[in-house]
Amino acid sequence: MAKRTFATIWQQIEKLYFSFKDGKKTRAELEQGVQEILDKPDVEKIILELGQLLMLDYEAFLDFDFKFKLAGDDPRFMRVSLYDSKKKIIYLDPIRVYEFIDLLRDEEKLQGAGADFEKYRKQSLMLELGKLPNKCILFMCILQQIAISGGYTHIGLSEIPQENLTDTALYQTLLWAFNELQKKLYTLNGINIRTEFGITWHESDWINQ
């Protein structure tokens, strides 16, 4: 049996999700299948190592763990990820990541901002981010939670409940996460994701005067 890696884990989850989207599996079957993957003895260690790699540059998160976890009925799980400051764990629901990816690529759902500049700016950025490969968007979701929990943007997120993020807060944390991902991938393998995937986003064009 081939050694399990993060890539093979993600491929298995992706296959289950697409089977669900195609109507071949129920939601319950999808969740059961993903949970069976997460329960494998080596998977938790592989996911933990991924999180540690992404959190390595942020001092406040050096002693944090990272885990995949299905949100289920947990009322604290308002978005794709969950920050537990007491246990020092960042959780991420891989099914919700794929639902977020679908949202990024659904132009109809991201329309309708009208004259609301903050909403339009956020939605426009999200459409650009949808050009990224699925795995890159996963990494970006982890980095966004780091931005929210660590207060790495300038808008004072520590005072905003995570479930009540404004359009500006979402925009700033997504943009921060994208820029961090860009730096990491260039450092690790020389890939410029703006060039590679045609991301035409420049923050200076979207400053709200």
Foldseek 3Di string as FASTA:
>chain_A
DDDDAPVNLLVQLVVLLVCCVVVNDPPVRSVVSNVVSQPPPCNLVRQQVVLCVLCVVPVVLNPAGEGEDACPPPPQCQAQWHQDPVNRYIYGHVSRLVVLLVCLCDVVNLDDCPPVLLSVLLSVLSVLVNLDDSVLSVQLVSQLVCCLVVVVFDPPSVPPRPNGDDSNSNSRSSVVSVVSSQVVCCVPPNDRCCVVRVRDDDVVVRDDD
